[in-house]
Amino acid sequence: MPLELNNVFVTPDSKIEFDDCFVYDDLSSEGENLTFSPIKVHGNVTNTGGLVELTYTADFKYSKPCDRCLTDTQKTVKKKFVHTLALSAENEESDDIVVVTGYTLDLFSLVRDDILLELPIKHLCSETCLGLCPQCGQNLNEGSCNCKKEAVDPRMAVLDELLQD
C-alpha cells in the first residue's frame, strides 16, 4: 500500500491516518516454515515541527514448529513501531530513519521488514521446553524415555574403551 505523503511533508502539524490489513504469501525467515495470519496495521504519519514520524501497530498471529520439540506453536503479537521519515538521508546513519522517495512510502514492504526483524531467533513452545531425546526422538515434554542417559559421544567412544580396560 503506497502512502502519498506530499501533504504531510509540506504542511506543518498535518496528519494522515491509515488502517489496513496485509497478507504476505512469501513471509518467511531464512527458509523457516512460518505461517502468518493477515496482519492488521493501524497508525498515522504526523508532521510536528518539521519532523515527520510514522507510528503504527501491527497485530497478527504466526505459527512455527518449536525449535526444541518440533511441536507446532502459535504466537499472538501486537507490536508498536515508530520510524522517522525523511526525503533524503545525507550525513545520517540511523536505522530509525526511513527515506521516502518521491513523497511515496511503500508501507507494505516496510511492515514486512519490521515484522521479520521483530521475530525471535528461537521459537519455543514454552521457556521450559525439554525438547527431544537425542537417541530415540521421544518428546520429553510428553514423558521420559528409557534411553541410557550416560551416552558417550561417538567421537569419544574409543577413549571410553581405553578407560574400561
C-alpha atoms as a PDB file:
ATOM      1  CA  MET A   1       0.000   0.000   0.000  1.00  0.00           C
ATOM      2  CA  PRO A   2       1.707   3.193  -1.104  1.00  0.00           C
ATOM      3  CA  LEU A   3       1.149   6.153   1.216  1.00  0.00           C
ATOM      4  CA  GLU A   4       1.160   9.539  -0.509  1.00  0.00           C
ATOM      5  CA  LEU A   5       2.928  11.873   1.937  1.00  0.00           C
ATOM      6  CA  ASN A   6       3.310  15.071  -0.072  1.00  0.00           C
ATOM      7  CA  ASN A   7       0.824  16.966   2.116  1.00  0.00           C
ATOM      8  CA  VAL A   8       2.418  15.748   5.362  1.00  0.00           C
ATOM      9  CA  PHE A   9       5.942  16.768   4.367  1.00  0.00           C
ATOM     10  CA  VAL A  10       4.850  20.206   3.089  1.00  0.00           C
ATOM     11  CA  THR A  11       2.267  21.202   5.725  1.00  0.00           C
ATOM     12  CA  PRO A  12       3.387  21.575   9.368  1.00  0.00           C
ATOM     13  CA  ASP A  13       1.159  19.968  12.025  1.00  0.00           C
ATOM     14  CA  SER A  14      -0.555  17.754   9.422  1.00  0.00           C
ATOM     15  CA  LYS A  15      -1.510  14.136   9.960  1.00  0.00           C
ATOM     16  CA  ILE A  16      -2.568  11.133   7.868  1.00  0.00           C
ATOM     17  CA  GLU A  17      -4.141   8.076   9.466  1.00  0.00           C
ATOM     18  CA  PHE A  18      -4.284   4.613   7.932  1.00  0.00           C
ATOM     19  CA  ASP A  19      -5.886   1.294   8.771  1.00  0.00           C
ATOM     20  CA  ASP A  20      -5.181  -1.719   6.596  1.00  0.00           C
ATOM     21  CA  CYS A  21      -4.790  -5.476   6.533  1.00  0.00           C
ATOM     22  CA  PHE A  22      -1.843  -7.101   4.739  1.00  0.00           C
ATOM     23  CA  VAL A  23      -1.491 -10.692   3.577  1.00  0.00           C
ATOM     24  CA  TYR A  24       2.030 -11.897   2.830  1.00  0.00           C
ATOM     25  CA  ASP A  25       2.262 -15.140   0.874  1.00  0.00           C
ATOM     26  CA  ASP A  26       6.056 -15.275   0.967  1.00  0.00           C
ATOM     27  CA  LEU A  27       6.684 -14.167   4.539  1.00  0.00           C
ATOM     28  CA  SER A  28       9.395 -16.429   5.862  1.00  0.00           C
ATOM     29  CA  SER A  29      12.703 -16.009   7.578  1.00  0.00           C
ATOM     30  CA  GLU A  30      15.735 -17.852   6.220  1.00  0.00           C
ATOM     31  CA  GLY A  31      13.621 -20.666   4.779  1.00  0.00           C
ATOM     32  CA  GLU A  32      11.830 -21.356   8.052  1.00  0.00           C
ATOM     33  CA  ASN A  33       8.310 -22.766   7.923  1.00  0.00           C
ATOM     34  CA  LEU A  34       6.380 -19.741   9.178  1.00  0.00           C
ATOM     35  CA  THR A  35       2.655 -19.267   8.689  1.00  0.00           C
ATOM     36  CA  PHE A  36       1.093 -15.846   9.288  1.00  0.00           C
ATOM     37  CA  SER A  37      -2.466 -14.654   9.747  1.00  0.00           C
ATOM     38  CA  PRO A  38      -3.454 -11.450   7.946  1.00  0.00           C
ATOM     39  CA  ILE A  39      -1.561  -8.590   9.581  1.00  0.00           C
ATOM     40  CA  LYS A  40      -3.748  -5.745  10.818  1.00  0.00           C
ATOM     41  CA  VAL A  41      -1.946  -2.404  10.687  1.00  0.00           C
ATOM     42  CA  HIS A  42      -3.251   0.825  12.209  1.00  0.00           C
ATOM     43  CA  GLY A  43      -1.292   4.043  12.547  1.00  0.00           C
ATOM     44  CA  ASN A  44      -0.529   7.546  11.404  1.00  0.00           C
ATOM     45  CA  VAL A  45       2.070   9.830   9.881  1.00  0.00           C
ATOM     46  CA  THR A  46       2.454  13.218  11.563  1.00  0.00           C
ATOM     47  CA  ASN A  47       4.497  16.341  10.894  1.00  0.00           C
ATOM     48  CA  THR A  48       5.374  18.058  14.150  1.00  0.00           C
ATOM     49  CA  GLY A  49       7.744  20.964  13.818  1.00  0.00           C
ATOM     50  CA  GLY A  50       9.283  19.693  10.594  1.00  0.00           C
ATOM     51  CA  LEU A  51       9.861  16.181  11.945  1.00  0.00           C
ATOM     52  CA  VAL A  52       7.785  13.601  10.075  1.00  0.00           C
ATOM     53  CA  GLU A  53       7.125  10.482  12.120  1.00  0.00           C
ATOM     54  CA  LEU A  54       5.405   7.211  11.226  1.00  0.00           C
ATOM     55  CA  THR A  55       3.808   5.321  14.112  1.00  0.00           C
ATOM     56  CA  TYR A  56       1.842   2.113  13.667  1.00  0.00           C
ATOM     57  CA  THR A  57       0.749  -1.020  15.469  1.00  0.00           C
ATOM     58  CA  ALA A  58       0.888  -4.431  13.803  1.00  0.00           C
ATOM     59  CA  ASP A  59      -1.430  -7.132  15.183  1.00  0.00           C
ATOM     60  CA  PHE A  60      -1.022 -10.707  13.938  1.00  0.00           C
ATOM     61  CA  LYS A  61      -0.590 -14.389  14.750  1.00  0.00           C
ATOM     62  CA  TYR A  62       2.069 -16.703  13.451  1.00  0.00           C
ATOM     63  CA  SER A  63       2.823 -20.383  13.802  1.00  0.00           C
ATOM     64  CA  LYS A  64       6.062 -22.303  13.528  1.00  0.00           C
ATOM     65  CA  PRO A  65       7.382 -25.609  14.853  1.00  0.00           C
ATOM     66  CA  CYS A  66       9.183 -25.344  18.196  1.00  0.00           C
ATOM     67  CA  ASP A  67      12.964 -25.383  17.729  1.00  0.00           C
ATOM     68  CA  ARG A  68      13.409 -27.906  20.567  1.00  0.00           C
ATOM     69  CA  CYS A  69      10.495 -30.365  20.295  1.00  0.00           C
ATOM     70  CA  LEU A  70       9.069 -29.659  16.798  1.00  0.00           C
ATOM     71  CA  THR A  71       5.533 -29.164  18.172  1.00  0.00           C
ATOM     72  CA  ASP A  72       3.609 -26.577  16.158  1.00  0.00           C
ATOM     73  CA  THR A  73       3.444 -23.338  18.180  1.00  0.00           C
ATOM     74  CA  GLN A  74       1.217 -20.329  17.667  1.00  0.00           C
ATOM     75  CA  LYS A  75       2.057 -16.879  18.981  1.00  0.00           C
ATOM     76  CA  THR A  76      -0.037 -13.701  19.057  1.00  0.00           C
ATOM     77  CA  VAL A  77       1.886 -10.466  18.547  1.00  0.00           C
ATOM     78  CA  LYS A  78       0.826  -6.850  18.931  1.00  0.00           C
ATOM     79  CA  LYS A  79       3.804  -4.592  18.379  1.00  0.00           C
ATOM     80  CA  LYS A  80       4.189  -0.842  18.005  1.00  0.00           C
ATOM     81  CA  PHE A  81       6.719   0.534  15.507  1.00  0.00           C
ATOM     82  CA  VAL A  82       7.998   4.111  15.198  1.00  0.00           C
ATOM     83  CA  HIS A  83      10.071   5.477  12.304  1.00  0.00           C
ATOM     84  CA  THR A  84      11.305   8.942  11.407  1.00  0.00           C
ATOM     85  CA  LEU A  85      10.688   9.730   7.748  1.00  0.00           C
ATOM     86  CA  ALA A  86      12.977  11.875   5.589  1.00  0.00           C
ATOM     87  CA  LEU A  87      13.178  12.794   1.923  1.00  0.00           C
ATOM     88  CA  SER A  88      16.945  12.238   1.968  1.00  0.00           C
ATOM     89  CA  ALA A  89      19.450  10.911   4.472  1.00  0.00           C
ATOM     90  CA  GLU A  90      22.548  12.965   3.817  1.00  0.00           C
ATOM     91  CA  ASN A  91      25.124  12.546   6.592  1.00  0.00           C
ATOM     92  CA  GLU A  92      22.647  10.481   8.612  1.00  0.00           C
ATOM     93  CA  GLU A  93      23.367   6.888   9.537  1.00  0.00           C
ATOM     94  CA  SER A  94      20.436   5.643  11.579  1.00  0.00           C
ATOM     95  CA  ASP A  95      18.230   2.586  11.274  1.00  0.00           C
ATOM     96  CA  ASP A  96      15.304   4.632  12.586  1.00  0.00           C
ATOM     97  CA  ILE A  97      15.247   6.938   9.554  1.00  0.00           C
ATOM     98  CA  VAL A  98      13.281   5.741   6.547  1.00  0.00           C
ATOM     99  CA  VAL A  99      13.997   7.569   3.300  1.00  0.00           C
ATOM    100  CA  VAL A 100      10.828   8.370   1.358  1.00  0.00           C
ATOM    101  CA  THR A 101      11.389   8.671  -2.388  1.00  0.00           C
ATOM    102  CA  GLY A 102       9.058  10.966  -4.298  1.00  0.00           C
ATOM    103  CA  TYR A 103       6.798  11.592  -1.285  1.00  0.00           C
ATOM    104  CA  THR A 104       5.523   7.983  -1.509  1.00  0.00           C
ATOM    105  CA  LEU A 105       6.142   5.372   1.194  1.00  0.00           C
ATOM    106  CA  ASP A 106       5.778   1.655   0.443  1.00  0.00           C
ATOM    107  CA  LEU A 107       4.050   0.666   3.679  1.00  0.00           C
ATOM    108  CA  PHE A 108       3.591  -2.951   2.545  1.00  0.00           C
ATOM    109  CA  SER A 109       7.366  -3.550   2.340  1.00  0.00           C
ATOM    110  CA  LEU A 110       8.158  -1.580   5.491  1.00  0.00           C
ATOM    111  CA  VAL A 111       5.697  -3.600   7.604  1.00  0.00           C
ATOM    112  CA  ARG A 112       7.066  -6.851   6.148  1.00  0.00           C
ATOM    113  CA  ASP A 113      10.651  -5.910   7.040  1.00  0.00           C
ATOM    114  CA  ASP A 114       9.714  -4.707  10.540  1.00  0.00           C
ATOM    115  CA  ILE A 115       7.908  -7.966  11.318  1.00  0.00           C
ATOM    116  CA  LEU A 116      10.736 -10.176  10.088  1.00  0.00           C
ATOM    117  CA  LEU A 117      13.233  -8.228  12.187  1.00  0.00           C
ATOM    118  CA  GLU A 118      10.997  -8.463  15.253  1.00  0.00           C
ATOM    119  CA  LEU A 119      10.608 -12.263  15.221  1.00  0.00           C
ATOM    120  CA  PRO A 120      12.598 -14.128  17.867  1.00  0.00           C
ATOM    121  CA  ILE A 121      15.656 -16.122  16.845  1.00  0.00           C
ATOM    122  CA  LYS A 122      14.454 -19.190  18.746  1.00  0.00           C
ATOM    123  CA  HIS A 123      10.800 -20.221  18.511  1.00  0.00           C
ATOM    124  CA  LEU A 124       9.842 -22.226  21.604  1.00  0.00           C
ATOM    125  CA  CYS A 125       6.506 -23.721  22.655  1.00  0.00           C
ATOM    126  CA  SER A 126       7.430 -22.723  26.234  1.00  0.00           C
ATOM    127  CA  GLU A 127      10.518 -21.495  28.053  1.00  0.00           C
ATOM    128  CA  THR A 128      10.683 -24.812  29.914  1.00  0.00           C
ATOM    129  CA  CYS A 129      10.523 -26.995  26.785  1.00  0.00           C
ATOM    130  CA  LEU A 130      12.643 -30.118  27.278  1.00  0.00           C
ATOM    131  CA  GLY A 131      12.982 -30.902  23.582  1.00  0.00           C
ATOM    132  CA  LEU A 132      13.536 -34.323  22.018  1.00  0.00           C
ATOM    133  CA  CYS A 133      15.678 -37.199  23.281  1.00  0.00           C
ATOM    134  CA  PRO A 134      18.826 -37.238  21.135  1.00  0.00           C
ATOM    135  CA  GLN A 135      18.825 -41.053  20.981  1.00  0.00           C
ATOM    136  CA  CYS A 136      15.213 -42.125  20.430  1.00  0.00           C
ATOM    137  CA  GLY A 137      13.471 -38.864  19.464  1.00  0.00           C
ATOM    138  CA  GLN A 138      10.867 -39.032  22.270  1.00  0.00           C
ATOM    139  CA  ASN A 139       9.258 -35.663  23.034  1.00  0.00           C
ATOM    140  CA  LEU A 140      10.444 -35.201  26.626  1.00  0.00           C
ATOM    141  CA  ASN A 141       7.573 -32.796  27.357  1.00  0.00           C
ATOM    142  CA  GLU A 142       5.135 -35.712  26.944  1.00  0.00           C
ATOM    143  CA  GLY A 143       7.085 -38.166  29.079  1.00  0.00           C
ATOM    144  CA  SER A 144      10.505 -39.608  29.730  1.00  0.00           C
ATOM    145  CA  CYS A 145      12.199 -42.259  27.631  1.00  0.00           C
ATOM    146  CA  ASN A 146      14.133 -45.401  28.592  1.00  0.00           C
ATOM    147  CA  CYS A 147      17.391 -44.400  26.931  1.00  0.00           C
ATOM    148  CA  LYS A 148      20.702 -44.674  28.719  1.00  0.00           C
ATOM    149  CA  LYS A 149      21.354 -41.144  29.959  1.00  0.00           C
ATOM    150  CA  GLU A 150      25.129 -41.572  30.069  1.00  0.00           C
ATOM    151  CA  ALA A 151      25.507 -41.871  26.331  1.00  0.00           C
ATOM    152  CA  VAL A 152      29.020 -41.218  25.115  1.00  0.00           C
ATOM    153  CA  ASP A 153      29.733 -39.000  22.174  1.00  0.00           C
ATOM    154  CA  PRO A 154      30.579 -41.402  19.296  1.00  0.00           C
ATOM    155  CA  ARG A 155      33.772 -39.451  18.637  1.00  0.00           C
ATOM    156  CA  MET A 156      34.913 -40.219  22.185  1.00  0.00           C
ATOM    157  CA  ALA A 157      33.905 -43.904  22.191  1.00  0.00           C
ATOM    158  CA  VAL A 158      37.493 -45.066  21.550  1.00  0.00           C
ATOM    159  CA  LEU A 159      38.697 -43.203  24.634  1.00  0.00           C
ATOM    160  CA  ASP A 160      35.846 -44.706  26.655  1.00  0.00           C
ATOM    161  CA  GLU A 161      37.024 -48.202  25.642  1.00  0.00           C
ATOM    162  CA  LEU A 162      40.532 -47.410  26.939  1.00  0.00           C
ATOM    163  CA  LEU A 163      39.074 -46.476  30.328  1.00  0.00           C
ATOM    164  CA  GLN A 164      37.171 -49.783  30.513  1.00  0.00           C
ATOM    165  CA  ASP A 165      40.382 -51.853  30.339  1.00  0.00           C
END
